[in-house]
C-alpha atoms as a PDB file:
ATOM      1  CA  MET A   1     222.196  62.011-187.760  1.00  0.00           C
ATOM      2  CA  ARG A   2     218.994  63.627-188.934  1.00  0.00           C
ATOM      3  CA  PRO A   3     219.220  65.927-191.999  1.00  0.00           C
ATOM      4  CA  SER A   4     219.158  69.631-191.085  1.00  0.00           C
ATOM      5  CA  SER A   5     218.802  71.188-194.539  1.00  0.00           C
ATOM      6  CA  ILE A   6     215.667  71.382-196.658  1.00  0.00           C
ATOM      7  CA  GLU A   7     217.304  69.155-199.277  1.00  0.00           C
ATOM      8  CA  GLY A   8     218.310  66.664-196.594  1.00  0.00           C
ATOM      9  CA  ARG A   9     214.805  66.536-195.195  1.00  0.00           C
ATOM     10  CA  ALA A  10     213.379  65.978-198.658  1.00  0.00           C
ATOM     11  CA  ALA A  11     215.806  63.123-199.223  1.00  0.00           C
ATOM     12  CA  ALA A  12     214.854  61.594-195.894  1.00  0.00           C
ATOM     13  CA  ALA A  13     211.171  61.885-196.772  1.00  0.00           C
ATOM     14  CA  ALA A  14     211.762  60.150-200.089  1.00  0.00           C
ATOM     15  CA  ALA A  15     213.709  57.395-198.380  1.00  0.00           C
ATOM     16  CA  ALA A  16     210.952  57.002-195.825  1.00  0.00           C
ATOM     17  CA  ALA A  17     208.390  56.697-198.612  1.00  0.00           C
ATOM     18  CA  THR A  18     210.485  53.948-200.183  1.00  0.00           C
ATOM     19  CA  THR A  19     210.614  52.189-196.839  1.00  0.00           C
ATOM     20  CA  LEU A  20     206.851  52.418-196.445  1.00  0.00           C
ATOM     21  CA  THR A  21     206.343  50.993-199.919  1.00  0.00           C
ATOM     22  CA  ARG A  22     208.619  48.040-199.218  1.00  0.00           C
ATOM     23  CA  LEU A  23     206.980  47.413-195.857  1.00  0.00           C
ATOM     24  CA  ALA A  24     203.511  47.610-197.330  1.00  0.00           C
ATOM     25  CA  ARG A  25     204.314  44.375-199.188  1.00  0.00           C
ATOM     26  CA  ARG A  26     204.763  42.585-195.868  1.00  0.00           C
ATOM     27  CA  SER A  27     201.755  41.090-194.180  1.00  0.00           C
ATOM     28  CA  SER A  28     203.253  40.307-190.788  1.00  0.00           C
ATOM     29  CA  THR A  29     201.839  41.802-187.622  1.00  0.00           C
ATOM     30  CA  GLN A  30     205.426  42.720-186.775  1.00  0.00           C
ATOM     31  CA  ALA A  31     205.621  45.139-189.697  1.00  0.00           C
ATOM     32  CA  ILE A  32     202.293  46.725-188.836  1.00  0.00           C
ATOM     33  CA  LEU A  33     203.347  47.143-185.218  1.00  0.00           C
ATOM     34  CA  ALA A  34     206.677  48.733-186.042  1.00  0.00           C
ATOM     35  CA  LEU A  35     205.162  51.014-188.669  1.00  0.00           C
ATOM     36  CA  SER A  36     202.404  52.303-186.432  1.00  0.00           C
ATOM     37  CA  LEU A  37     205.015  53.172-183.814  1.00  0.00           C
ATOM     38  CA  CYS A  38     207.772  54.559-186.018  1.00  0.00           C
ATOM     39  CA  ALA A  39     205.412  56.622-188.154  1.00  0.00           C
ATOM     40  CA  SER A  40     204.799  58.800-185.105  1.00  0.00           C
ATOM     41  CA  MET A  41     208.196  58.894-183.341  1.00  0.00           C
ATOM     42  CA  ALA A  42     211.883  58.358-183.898  1.00  0.00           C
ATOM     43  CA  CYS A  43     212.917  54.949-182.625  1.00  0.00           C
ATOM     44  CA  VAL A  44     215.811  52.571-183.106  1.00  0.00           C
ATOM     45  CA  GLY A  45     215.851  51.920-186.836  1.00  0.00           C
ATOM     46  CA  GLY A  46     212.982  54.376-187.324  1.00  0.00           C
ATOM     47  CA  ILE A  47     211.735  55.618-190.686  1.00  0.00           C
ATOM     48  CA  ASP A  48     213.934  58.680-190.300  1.00  0.00           C
ATOM     49  CA  ASP A  49     216.746  56.159-190.899  1.00  0.00           C
ATOM     50  CA  PRO A  50     215.341  53.706-193.501  1.00  0.00           C
ATOM     51  CA  ALA A  51     218.410  51.497-193.760  1.00  0.00           C
ATOM     52  CA  ARG A  52     218.592  50.826-190.030  1.00  0.00           C
ATOM     53  CA  PHE A  53     214.833  50.373-189.904  1.00  0.00           C
ATOM     54  CA  LEU A  54     214.874  47.669-192.582  1.00  0.00           C
ATOM     55  CA  ALA A  55     217.869  46.011-190.961  1.00  0.00           C
ATOM     56  CA  ALA A  56     216.066  45.949-187.635  1.00  0.00           C
ATOM     57  CA  MET A  57     212.963  44.509-189.277  1.00  0.00           C
ATOM     58  CA  GLY A  58     214.817  41.648-190.960  1.00  0.00           C
ATOM     59  CA  ASP A  59     212.702  38.657-191.935  1.00  0.00           C
ATOM     60  CA  ALA A  60     209.130  38.203-190.751  1.00  0.00           C
ATOM     61  CA  ALA A  61     210.296  35.370-188.504  1.00  0.00           C
ATOM     62  CA  ALA A  62     213.139  37.400-186.990  1.00  0.00           C
ATOM     63  CA  PRO A  63     212.890  39.088-183.576  1.00  0.00           C
ATOM     64  CA  PRO A  64     211.030  42.416-183.670  1.00  0.00           C
ATOM     65  CA  PRO A  65     212.887  45.744-183.649  1.00  0.00           C
ATOM     66  CA  ARG A  66     214.367  46.807-180.355  1.00  0.00           C
ATOM     67  CA  LEU A  67     211.350  48.710-179.067  1.00  0.00           C
ATOM     68  CA  ALA A  68     210.611  49.140-175.379  1.00  0.00           C
ATOM     69  CA  CYS A  69     207.261  47.906-174.108  1.00  0.00           C
ATOM     70  CA  VAL A  70     206.284  51.425-173.149  1.00  0.00           C
ATOM     71  CA  ASP A  71     206.606  52.396-176.825  1.00  0.00           C
ATOM     72  CA  ALA A  72     205.453  49.230-178.518  1.00  0.00           C
ATOM     73  CA  VAL A  73     202.264  48.636-176.575  1.00  0.00           C
ATOM     74  CA  PRO A  74     200.388  51.835-177.507  1.00  0.00           C
ATOM     75  CA  ALA A  75     201.383  51.230-181.124  1.00  0.00           C
ATOM     76  CA  MET A  76     200.151  47.660-180.870  1.00  0.00           C
ATOM     77  CA  PHE A  77     196.811  48.864-179.486  1.00  0.00           C
ATOM     78  CA  ALA A  78     196.474  51.176-182.463  1.00  0.00           C
ATOM     79  CA  SER A  79     197.269  48.529-185.065  1.00  0.00           C
ATOM     80  CA  SER A  80     194.996  46.038-183.327  1.00  0.00           C
ATOM     81  CA  CYS A  81     192.096  48.376-183.930  1.00  0.00           C
ATOM     82  CA  ALA A  82     193.123  48.869-187.552  1.00  0.00           C
ATOM     83  CA  GLY A  83     193.292  52.618-186.983  1.00  0.00           C
ATOM     84  CA  ALA A  84     189.667  52.770-185.901  1.00  0.00           C
ATOM     85  CA  ALA A  85     188.235  54.525-182.878  1.00  0.00           C
ATOM     86  CA  CYS A  86     187.146  51.923-180.386  1.00  0.00           C
ATOM     87  CA  HIS A  87     186.882  50.807-176.762  1.00  0.00           C
ATOM     88  CA  SER A  88     184.806  53.574-175.261  1.00  0.00           C
ATOM     89  CA  ALA A  89     183.278  53.451-171.817  1.00  0.00           C
ATOM     90  CA  GLY A  90     179.796  53.993-173.164  1.00  0.00           C
ATOM     91  CA  GLY A  91     180.456  57.561-174.274  1.00  0.00           C
ATOM     92  CA  PRO A  92     182.407  59.082-177.148  1.00  0.00           C
ATOM     93  CA  SER A  93     184.714  56.568-178.773  1.00  0.00           C
ATOM     94  CA  VAL A  94     188.318  56.408-177.638  1.00  0.00           C
ATOM     95  CA  ASP A  95     190.928  57.051-180.311  1.00  0.00           C
ATOM     96  CA  LEU A  96     193.708  54.583-179.567  1.00  0.00           C
ATOM     97  CA  LEU A  97     195.922  56.230-182.177  1.00  0.00           C
ATOM     98  CA  SER A  98     196.234  59.202-179.834  1.00  0.00           C
ATOM     99  CA  PRO A  99     199.621  59.603-178.118  1.00  0.00           C
ATOM    100  CA  ASP A 100     197.931  59.612-174.707  1.00  0.00           C
ATOM    101  CA  VAL A 101     196.807  55.998-174.975  1.00  0.00           C
ATOM    102  CA  ALA A 102     197.344  55.307-171.286  1.00  0.00           C
ATOM    103  CA  ALA A 103     195.035  58.122-170.222  1.00  0.00           C
ATOM    104  CA  ARG A 104     192.333  56.735-172.490  1.00  0.00           C
ATOM    105  CA  VAL A 105     192.423  53.094-171.421  1.00  0.00           C
ATOM    106  CA  VAL A 106     193.787  52.876-167.874  1.00  0.00           C
ATOM    107  CA  GLY A 107     190.914  52.415-165.457  1.00  0.00           C
ATOM    108  CA  VAL A 108     188.318  52.875-168.222  1.00  0.00           C
ATOM    109  CA  ALA A 109     185.367  50.495-168.232  1.00  0.00           C
ATOM    110  CA  ALA A 110     184.841  48.354-171.319  1.00  0.00           C
ATOM    111  CA  ARG A 111     181.890  49.263-173.493  1.00  0.00           C
ATOM    112  CA  SER A 112     180.312  45.844-173.077  1.00  0.00           C
ATOM    113  CA  GLY A 113     180.809  42.701-171.056  1.00  0.00           C
ATOM    114  CA  GLY A 114     182.137  44.442-167.964  1.00  0.00           C
ATOM    115  CA  GLY A 115     185.729  44.789-166.868  1.00  0.00           C
ATOM    116  CA  VAL A 116     188.382  47.470-167.278  1.00  0.00           C
ATOM    117  CA  LEU A 117     190.334  48.056-170.489  1.00  0.00           C
ATOM    118  CA  ALA A 118     193.679  48.393-168.671  1.00  0.00           C
ATOM    119  CA  ASP A 119     193.420  47.376-165.011  1.00  0.00           C
ATOM    120  CA  VAL A 120     196.650  48.298-163.220  1.00  0.00           C
ATOM    121  CA  GLN A 121     195.563  46.434-160.084  1.00  0.00           C
ATOM    122  CA  ARG A 122     194.927  43.212-162.024  1.00  0.00           C
ATOM    123  CA  PRO A 123     196.807  43.437-165.352  1.00  0.00           C
ATOM    124  CA  THR A 124     195.936  39.871-166.374  1.00  0.00           C
ATOM    125  CA  GLU A 125     192.231  40.725-166.045  1.00  0.00           C
ATOM    126  CA  SER A 126     192.494  43.732-168.369  1.00  0.00           C
ATOM    127  CA  VAL A 127     189.956  43.528-171.187  1.00  0.00           C
ATOM    128  CA  LEU A 128     192.525  44.682-173.758  1.00  0.00           C
ATOM    129  CA  LEU A 129     194.948  41.922-172.808  1.00  0.00           C
ATOM    130  CA  ARG A 130     192.264  39.236-172.721  1.00  0.00           C
ATOM    131  CA  ARG A 131     190.941  40.251-176.123  1.00  0.00           C
ATOM    132  CA  LEU A 132     194.424  40.219-177.570  1.00  0.00           C
ATOM    133  CA  LEU A 133     194.875  36.688-176.237  1.00  0.00           C
ATOM    134  CA  GLY A 134     191.429  35.598-177.388  1.00  0.00           C
ATOM    135  CA  THR A 135     190.366  34.663-173.829  1.00  0.00           C
ATOM    136  CA  SER A 136     187.651  37.308-173.574  1.00  0.00           C
ATOM    137  CA  ALA A 137     183.997  36.656-174.292  1.00  0.00           C
ATOM    138  CA  GLY A 138     183.964  39.802-176.409  1.00  0.00           C
ATOM    139  CA  PRO A 139     185.484  40.400-179.850  1.00  0.00           C
ATOM    140  CA  VAL A 140     189.135  39.504-180.200  1.00  0.00           C
ATOM    141  CA  MET A 141     191.869  41.826-181.430  1.00  0.00           C
ATOM    142  CA  PRO A 142     193.086  42.313-184.078  1.00  0.00           C
ATOM    143  CA  PRO A 143     189.815  41.412-185.854  1.00  0.00           C
ATOM    144  CA  GLY A 144     190.234  38.454-188.188  1.00  0.00           C
ATOM    145  CA  ALA A 145     193.960  38.121-187.467  1.00  0.00           C
ATOM    146  CA  PRO A 146     196.003  35.589-185.488  1.00  0.00           C
ATOM    147  CA  GLN A 147     196.304  36.332-181.794  1.00  0.00           C
ATOM    148  CA  VAL A 148     199.479  37.936-180.496  1.00  0.00           C
ATOM    149  CA  SER A 149     202.428  35.888-179.313  1.00  0.00           C
ATOM    150  CA  ALA A 150     203.120  35.114-175.675  1.00  0.00           C
ATOM    151  CA  GLU A 151     206.049  37.553-175.788  1.00  0.00           C
ATOM    152  CA  VAL A 152     203.831  40.412-176.952  1.00  0.00           C
ATOM    153  CA  ALA A 153     201.221  39.481-174.344  1.00  0.00           C
ATOM    154  CA  ARG A 154     203.845  39.666-171.595  1.00  0.00           C
ATOM    155  CA  CYS A 155     204.892  43.039-172.920  1.00  0.00           C
ATOM    156  CA  VAL A 156     201.298  44.294-172.783  1.00  0.00           C
ATOM    157  CA  GLU A 157     200.811  42.922-169.281  1.00  0.00           C
ATOM    158  CA  ALA A 158     204.012  44.568-168.050  1.00  0.00           C
ATOM    159  CA  TRP A 159     203.044  47.888-169.623  1.00  0.00           C
ATOM    160  CA  ILE A 160     199.615  47.862-167.985  1.00  0.00           C
ATOM    161  CA  GLY A 161     201.125  47.038-164.603  1.00  0.00           C
ATOM    162  CA  ASP A 162     203.547  49.963-164.914  1.00  0.00           C
ATOM    163  CA  GLN A 163     200.797  52.523-165.402  1.00  0.00           C
ATOM    164  CA  LYS A 164     199.539  54.690-162.554  1.00  0.00           C
ATOM    165  CA  ALA A 165     196.069  53.876-161.307  1.00  0.00           C
ATOM    166  CA  PRO A 166     193.561  56.723-161.645  1.00  0.00           C
ATOM    167  CA  GLY A 167     192.507  58.280-158.394  1.00  0.00           C
ATOM    168  CA  VAL A 168     195.668  57.348-156.498  1.00  0.00           C
ATOM    169  CA  LEU A 169     195.736  58.437-152.885  1.00  0.00           C
ATOM    170  CA  SER A 170     199.097  59.899-151.920  1.00  0.00           C
ATOM    171  CA  PRO A 171     200.515  61.765-148.936  1.00  0.00           C
ATOM    172  CA  GLU A 172     199.446  65.400-149.115  1.00  0.00           C
ATOM    173  CA  PRO A 173     198.121  66.840-145.858  1.00  0.00           C
ATOM    174  CA  PRO A 174     195.578  69.648-146.369  1.00  0.00           C
ATOM    175  CA  PRO A 175     196.416  73.036-144.883  1.00  0.00           C
ATOM    176  CA  ALA A 176     195.030  73.750-141.431  1.00  0.00           C
ATOM    177  CA  VAL A 177     192.418  76.508-141.277  1.00  0.00           C
ATOM    178  CA  VAL A 178     192.733  78.769-138.239  1.00  0.00           C
ATOM    179  CA  PRO A 179     189.918  81.175-137.263  1.00  0.00           C
ATOM    180  CA  THR A 180     190.927  84.822-137.470  1.00  0.00           C
ATOM    181  CA  THR A 181     187.948  86.256-135.614  1.00  0.00           C
ATOM    182  CA  PRO A 182     186.318  85.316-132.306  1.00  0.00           C
ATOM    183  CA  GLY A 183     183.650  82.688-132.708  1.00  0.00           C
ATOM    184  CA  ALA A 184     184.914  81.476-136.080  1.00  0.00           C
ATOM    185  CA  ALA A 185     185.388  77.960-134.737  1.00  0.00           C
ATOM    186  CA  ASP A 186     181.784  77.908-133.601  1.00  0.00           C
ATOM    187  CA  ALA A 187     180.770  78.896-137.140  1.00  0.00           C
ATOM    188  CA  GLY A 188     182.188  75.637-138.510  1.00  0.00           C
ATOM    189  CA  VAL A 189     185.773  76.581-139.387  1.00  0.00           C
ATOM    190  CA  ASP A 190     188.322  73.827-138.729  1.00  0.00           C
ATOM    191  CA  VAL A 191     190.852  74.815-136.124  1.00  0.00           C
ATOM    192  CA  ALA A 192     194.400  73.501-136.630  1.00  0.00           C
ATOM    193  CA  ALA A 193     193.285  70.213-138.172  1.00  0.00           C
ATOM    194  CA  PRO A 194     195.767  67.394-137.440  1.00  0.00           C
ATOM    195  CA  PRO A 195     197.890  66.071-140.330  1.00  0.00           C
ATOM    196  CA  VAL A 196     196.322  63.361-142.467  1.00  0.00           C
ATOM    197  CA  THR A 197     197.894  60.864-144.829  1.00  0.00           C
ATOM    198  CA  GLY A 198     195.982  61.125-148.067  1.00  0.00           C
ATOM    199  CA  THR A 199     194.330  63.279-150.669  1.00  0.00           C
ATOM    200  CA  THR A 200     190.706  63.307-151.733  1.00  0.00           C
ATOM    201  CA  VAL A 201     189.218  61.080-154.425  1.00  0.00           C
ATOM    202  CA  ARG A 202     185.787  61.725-155.916  1.00  0.00           C
ATOM    203  CA  VAL A 203     184.350  59.431-158.586  1.00  0.00           C
ATOM    204  CA  ALA A 204     181.088  59.856-160.497  1.00  0.00           C
ATOM    205  CA  ALA A 205     180.233  56.187-161.002  1.00  0.00           C
ATOM    206  CA  GLY A 206     178.962  55.337-164.461  1.00  0.00           C
ATOM    207  CA  SER A 207     179.876  58.744-165.862  1.00  0.00           C
ATOM    208  CA  ASP A 208     182.056  59.169-168.943  1.00  0.00           C
ATOM    209  CA  ALA A 209     183.014  62.766-168.120  1.00  0.00           C
ATOM    210  CA  PRO A 210     184.096  64.686-165.020  1.00  0.00           C
ATOM    211  CA  TYR A 211     181.555  66.745-163.097  1.00  0.00           C
ATOM    212  CA  THR A 212     182.069  69.931-161.075  1.00  0.00           C
ATOM    213  CA  ASP A 213     179.521  70.331-158.301  1.00  0.00           C
ATOM    214  CA  PRO A 214     178.133  73.684-157.062  1.00  0.00           C
ATOM    215  CA  GLY A 215     180.820  73.767-154.375  1.00  0.00           C
ATOM    216  CA  GLY A 216     183.591  73.628-157.003  1.00  0.00           C
ATOM    217  CA  ARG A 217     184.551  70.033-156.186  1.00  0.00           C
ATOM    218  CA  VAL A 218     185.542  67.982-159.229  1.00  0.00           C
ATOM    219  CA  TRP A 219     184.256  64.407-159.552  1.00  0.00           C
ATOM    220  CA  SER A 220     186.188  62.306-162.048  1.00  0.00           C
ATOM    221  CA  ALA A 221     184.590  60.069-164.646  1.00  0.00           C
ATOM    222  CA  ASP A 222     184.170  56.407-163.680  1.00  0.00           C
ATOM    223  CA  VAL A 223     187.671  55.119-162.813  1.00  0.00           C
ATOM    224  CA  GLY A 224     189.140  52.376-160.666  1.00  0.00           C
ATOM    225  CA  SER A 225     186.297  49.953-161.323  1.00  0.00           C
ATOM    226  CA  SER A 226     186.343  46.247-162.099  1.00  0.00           C
ATOM    227  CA  GLY A 227     183.274  44.286-163.145  1.00  0.00           C
ATOM    228  CA  GLY A 228     179.736  45.491-163.558  1.00  0.00           C
ATOM    229  CA  MET A 229     178.265  47.775-166.195  1.00  0.00           C
ATOM    230  CA  THR A 230     177.367  51.444-166.411  1.00  0.00           C
ATOM    231  CA  VAL A 231     174.189  53.283-167.282  1.00  0.00           C
ATOM    232  CA  LYS A 232     173.322  56.947-167.634  1.00  0.00           C
ATOM    233  CA  PHE A 233     169.580  57.513-167.558  1.00  0.00           C
ATOM    234  CA  ASP A 234     168.046  59.340-170.521  1.00  0.00           C
ATOM    235  CA  PRO A 235     166.058  61.408-169.932  1.00  0.00           C
ATOM    236  CA  PRO A 236     167.739  62.016-166.574  1.00  0.00           C
ATOM    237  CA  PRO A 237     165.410  61.544-163.614  1.00  0.00           C
ATOM    238  CA  THR A 238     164.621  64.449-161.312  1.00  0.00           C
ATOM    239  CA  ILE A 239     166.496  63.566-158.134  1.00  0.00           C
ATOM    240  CA  LEU A 240     165.118  64.914-154.872  1.00  0.00           C
ATOM    241  CA  GLY A 241     166.974  65.619-151.656  1.00  0.00           C
ATOM    242  CA  THR A 242     170.281  66.834-153.076  1.00  0.00           C
ATOM    243  CA  THR A 243     171.986  69.883-154.536  1.00  0.00           C
ATOM    244  CA  THR A 244     174.016  67.669-156.899  1.00  0.00           C
ATOM    245  CA  PRO A 245     171.375  65.685-158.825  1.00  0.00           C
ATOM    246  CA  ALA A 246     173.773  64.975-161.719  1.00  0.00           C
ATOM    247  CA  LEU A 247     175.768  62.630-159.473  1.00  0.00           C
ATOM    248  CA  TYR A 248     172.720  60.404-159.013  1.00  0.00           C
ATOM    249  CA  GLN A 249     171.635  60.224-162.669  1.00  0.00           C
ATOM    250  CA  ALA A 250     174.257  57.627-163.667  1.00  0.00           C
ATOM    251  CA  GLU A 251     175.499  54.484-161.961  1.00  0.00           C
ATOM    252  CA  ARG A 252     177.641  51.376-162.054  1.00  0.00           C
ATOM    253  CA  TYR A 253     175.689  48.213-161.345  1.00  0.00           C
ATOM    254  CA  GLY A 254     176.418  44.502-161.233  1.00  0.00           C
ATOM    255  CA  PRO A 255     174.004  42.389-163.287  1.00  0.00           C
ATOM    256  CA  GLY A 256     173.691  39.412-160.968  1.00  0.00           C
ATOM    257  CA  ALA A 257     177.310  39.657-159.818  1.00  0.00           C
ATOM    258  CA  ALA A 258     179.609  41.699-157.627  1.00  0.00           C
ATOM    259  CA  PHE A 259     181.720  44.604-158.844  1.00  0.00           C
ATOM    260  CA  ARG A 260     184.429  46.587-157.130  1.00  0.00           C
ATOM    261  CA  TYR A 261     186.417  49.796-157.017  1.00  0.00           C
ATOM    262  CA  SER A 262     190.066  49.897-155.979  1.00  0.00           C
ATOM    263  CA  PHE A 263     192.351  52.833-155.191  1.00  0.00           C
ATOM    264  CA  ASP A 264     195.954  52.833-154.029  1.00  0.00           C
ATOM    265  CA  ALA A 265     196.150  54.409-150.571  1.00  0.00           C
ATOM    266  CA  LYS A 266     198.651  55.206-147.879  1.00  0.00           C
ATOM    267  CA  LYS A 267     197.947  53.930-144.399  1.00  0.00           C
ATOM    268  CA  GLY A 268     195.683  56.185-142.388  1.00  0.00           C
ATOM    269  CA  LYS A 269     192.092  57.012-141.562  1.00  0.00           C
ATOM    270  CA  TYR A 270     189.559  57.771-144.288  1.00  0.00           C
ATOM    271  CA  LYS A 271     185.917  58.747-144.525  1.00  0.00           C
ATOM    272  CA  VAL A 272     184.180  57.008-147.422  1.00  0.00           C
ATOM    273  CA  THR A 273     180.857  58.407-148.644  1.00  0.00           C
ATOM    274  CA  LEU A 274     178.696  56.273-150.940  1.00  0.00           C
ATOM    275  CA  LYS A 275     175.924  57.990-152.907  1.00  0.00           C
ATOM    276  CA  PHE A 276     172.794  56.171-154.069  1.00  0.00           C
ATOM    277  CA  SER A 277     169.419  56.767-155.705  1.00  0.00           C
ATOM    278  CA  GLU A 278     166.885  54.116-156.707  1.00  0.00           C
ATOM    279  CA  ASN A 279     166.053  55.149-160.257  1.00  0.00           C
ATOM    280  CA  TYR A 280     164.499  51.875-161.428  1.00  0.00           C
ATOM    281  CA  TYR A 281     162.573  49.899-158.820  1.00  0.00           C
ATOM    282  CA  THR A 282     159.348  51.220-157.344  1.00  0.00           C
ATOM    283  CA  GLY A 283     159.156  49.619-153.919  1.00  0.00           C
ATOM    284  CA  PRO A 284     161.182  48.387-150.946  1.00  0.00           C
ATOM    285  CA  GLY A 285     162.809  44.967-151.020  1.00  0.00           C
ATOM    286  CA  GLN A 286     163.173  44.864-154.804  1.00  0.00           C
ATOM    287  CA  ARG A 287     166.927  45.612-154.675  1.00  0.00           C
ATOM    288  CA  THR A 288     169.212  44.858-151.719  1.00  0.00           C
ATOM    289  CA  PHE A 289     172.969  44.377-151.610  1.00  0.00           C
ATOM    290  CA  ASP A 290     176.038  44.292-149.368  1.00  0.00           C
ATOM    291  CA  VAL A 291     178.970  46.697-149.442  1.00  0.00           C
ATOM    292  CA  ASP A 292     182.429  45.881-148.074  1.00  0.00           C
ATOM    293  CA  VAL A 293     184.964  48.674-147.606  1.00  0.00           C
ATOM    294  CA  ALA A 294     188.606  47.765-146.958  1.00  0.00           C
ATOM    295  CA  GLY A 295     187.577  44.206-146.149  1.00  0.00           C
ATOM    296  CA  GLN A 296     184.954  45.205-143.577  1.00  0.00           C
ATOM    297  CA  ARG A 297     181.175  44.924-144.009  1.00  0.00           C
ATOM    298  CA  ALA A 298     179.891  48.503-144.275  1.00  0.00           C
ATOM    299  CA  LEU A 299     176.310  47.895-145.460  1.00  0.00           C
ATOM    300  CA  SER A 300     174.278  44.689-145.177  1.00  0.00           C
ATOM    301  CA  ALA A 301     171.265  44.007-147.383  1.00  0.00           C
ATOM    302  CA  PHE A 302     171.119  47.732-148.092  1.00  0.00           C
ATOM    303  CA  ASP A 303     167.807  48.842-149.626  1.00  0.00           C
ATOM    304  CA  ILE A 304     168.139  52.190-151.406  1.00  0.00           C
ATOM    305  CA  PHE A 305     164.391  52.689-151.849  1.00  0.00           C
ATOM    306  CA  GLN A 306     163.691  52.078-148.185  1.00  0.00           C
ATOM    307  CA  ALA A 307     166.610  54.177-146.950  1.00  0.00           C
ATOM    308  CA  ALA A 308     165.749  57.134-149.198  1.00  0.00           C
ATOM    309  CA  GLY A 309     162.002  56.908-148.679  1.00  0.00           C
ATOM    310  CA  GLY A 310     161.116  56.401-152.311  1.00  0.00           C
ATOM    311  CA  LYS A 311     162.231  56.360-155.928  1.00  0.00           C
ATOM    312  CA  ASP A 312     164.512  59.030-157.425  1.00  0.00           C
ATOM    313  CA  LYS A 313     165.620  60.275-154.016  1.00  0.00           C
ATOM    314  CA  ALA A 314     169.245  60.763-153.007  1.00  0.00           C
ATOM    315  CA  VAL A 315     170.623  58.932-149.995  1.00  0.00           C
ATOM    316  CA  ASP A 316     174.225  58.840-148.791  1.00  0.00           C
ATOM    317  CA  ARG A 317     176.001  56.512-146.419  1.00  0.00           C
ATOM    318  CA  ASP A 318     179.273  57.367-144.633  1.00  0.00           C
ATOM    319  CA  VAL A 319     181.845  54.812-143.523  1.00  0.00           C
ATOM    320  CA  THR A 320     185.032  55.565-141.574  1.00  0.00           C
ATOM    321  CA  ILE A 321     187.864  53.102-142.056  1.00  0.00           C
ATOM    322  CA  THR A 322     191.498  52.845-141.013  1.00  0.00           C
ATOM    323  CA  LEU A 323     194.179  51.298-143.205  1.00  0.00           C
ATOM    324  CA  ALA A 324     196.923  49.813-141.052  1.00  0.00           C
ATOM    325  CA  ALA A 325     199.339  49.615-143.982  1.00  0.00           C
ATOM    326  CA  ASP A 326     199.810  51.009-147.473  1.00  0.00           C
ATOM    327  CA  GLY A 327     197.834  49.136-150.081  1.00  0.00           C
ATOM    328  CA  PRO A 328     194.666  49.106-152.149  1.00  0.00           C
ATOM    329  CA  LEU A 329     191.512  50.537-150.634  1.00  0.00           C
ATOM    330  CA  GLU A 330     188.809  48.312-152.117  1.00  0.00           C
ATOM    331  CA  LEU A 331     185.053  48.694-152.179  1.00  0.00           C
ATOM    332  CA  VAL A 332     183.056  45.588-153.125  1.00  0.00           C
ATOM    333  CA  PHE A 333     179.337  45.686-153.989  1.00  0.00           C
ATOM    334  CA  SER A 334     177.680  42.238-153.812  1.00  0.00           C
ATOM    335  CA  PRO A 335     174.103  41.273-154.745  1.00  0.00           C
ATOM    336  CA  VAL A 336     171.507  40.005-152.282  1.00  0.00           C
ATOM    337  CA  VAL A 337     168.302  40.708-154.229  1.00  0.00           C
ATOM    338  CA  GLU A 338     168.787  41.893-157.823  1.00  0.00           C
ATOM    339  CA  ASN A 339     171.741  44.080-158.810  1.00  0.00           C
ATOM    340  CA  PRO A 340     174.048  46.096-156.544  1.00  0.00           C
ATOM    341  CA  LYS A 341     174.743  49.662-157.645  1.00  0.00           C
ATOM    342  CA  VAL A 342     176.384  52.953-156.679  1.00  0.00           C
ATOM    343  CA  SER A 343     176.142  56.455-158.126  1.00  0.00           C
ATOM    344  CA  ALA A 344     179.192  58.206-156.657  1.00  0.00           C
ATOM    345  CA  ILE A 345     182.088  57.588-154.284  1.00  0.00           C
ATOM    346  CA  GLU A 346     183.975  60.118-152.176  1.00  0.00           C
ATOM    347  CA  ILE A 347     187.094  59.266-150.155  1.00  0.00           C
ATOM    348  CA  VAL A 348     188.566  61.955-147.909  1.00  0.00           C
ATOM    349  CA  PRO A 349     191.058  61.913-145.047  1.00  0.00           C
ATOM    350  CA  ALA A 350     189.382  61.610-141.664  1.00  0.00           C
ATOM    351  CA  PRO A 351     190.693  63.485-138.603  1.00  0.00           C
END
């Protein structure tokens, strides 16, 4: 039972300090992991109960305390980074000591080397897991320390797989809009739109922050991606032919390789809009690539410069697809000449 009096709390604090001192003498990863968790929450054998905590710790070779993966993994991420801010997606650093670890790593692109920090669609391909196992080309975690055990790795993999993918499509039919005055339908108002099976997803590719367009629509930061790299042009180019130039001033691109986006979706019909602007090359034929949406070829040898009529000009392409069953809605961008790229993705239910 936790102390309820001031004196009791003081005694507990003193006991906790003693526990911390004793644990500080241990060098095992196990102790670091348990401390980083139990310093922030009450857990079985937590530091609010020093005796049980020490009993749960046991010897360095003994099994770790009885901590669920959902609790242990965020703590392990924090200790792996030695309390430092790390693993950003090219923007402000991500503080993995924050309690909302999942929101900061799930679907977030790695700062370098491509890939997603915690990829719920492909947990074994998650950059965090691969760096913990030492199988990534990037720096391993924890720096200068032995790699984690197979048991911890399985725990991390299970935790990643249990997270919810950003930008999940779920059943939520939009309300029908019925004209209230004669001629309203002719003015572009939807009349009793049929039910649809999904919600809208808007992603600003390559962006590290959400964007609200002039119409009040919110575009999330880059989520759901796997592979490729991101770039945000500085200074931002002046984009012609659009009322939302900010969407075209950043991008995800694949340096000599394909990249993809994946979103969970319910079966149904969707309209997918892909937004592009050629902000680098200065002529046609210098960049061409293919785009597959839901396993079907949507664009072949697509040339942004040629389609837009020049550099720094917005061009969109719409694709209507039907998913026969629930499952991931994947978009794959594959190189033909130079690097494939995309600036924004919109997925909305189609009538």
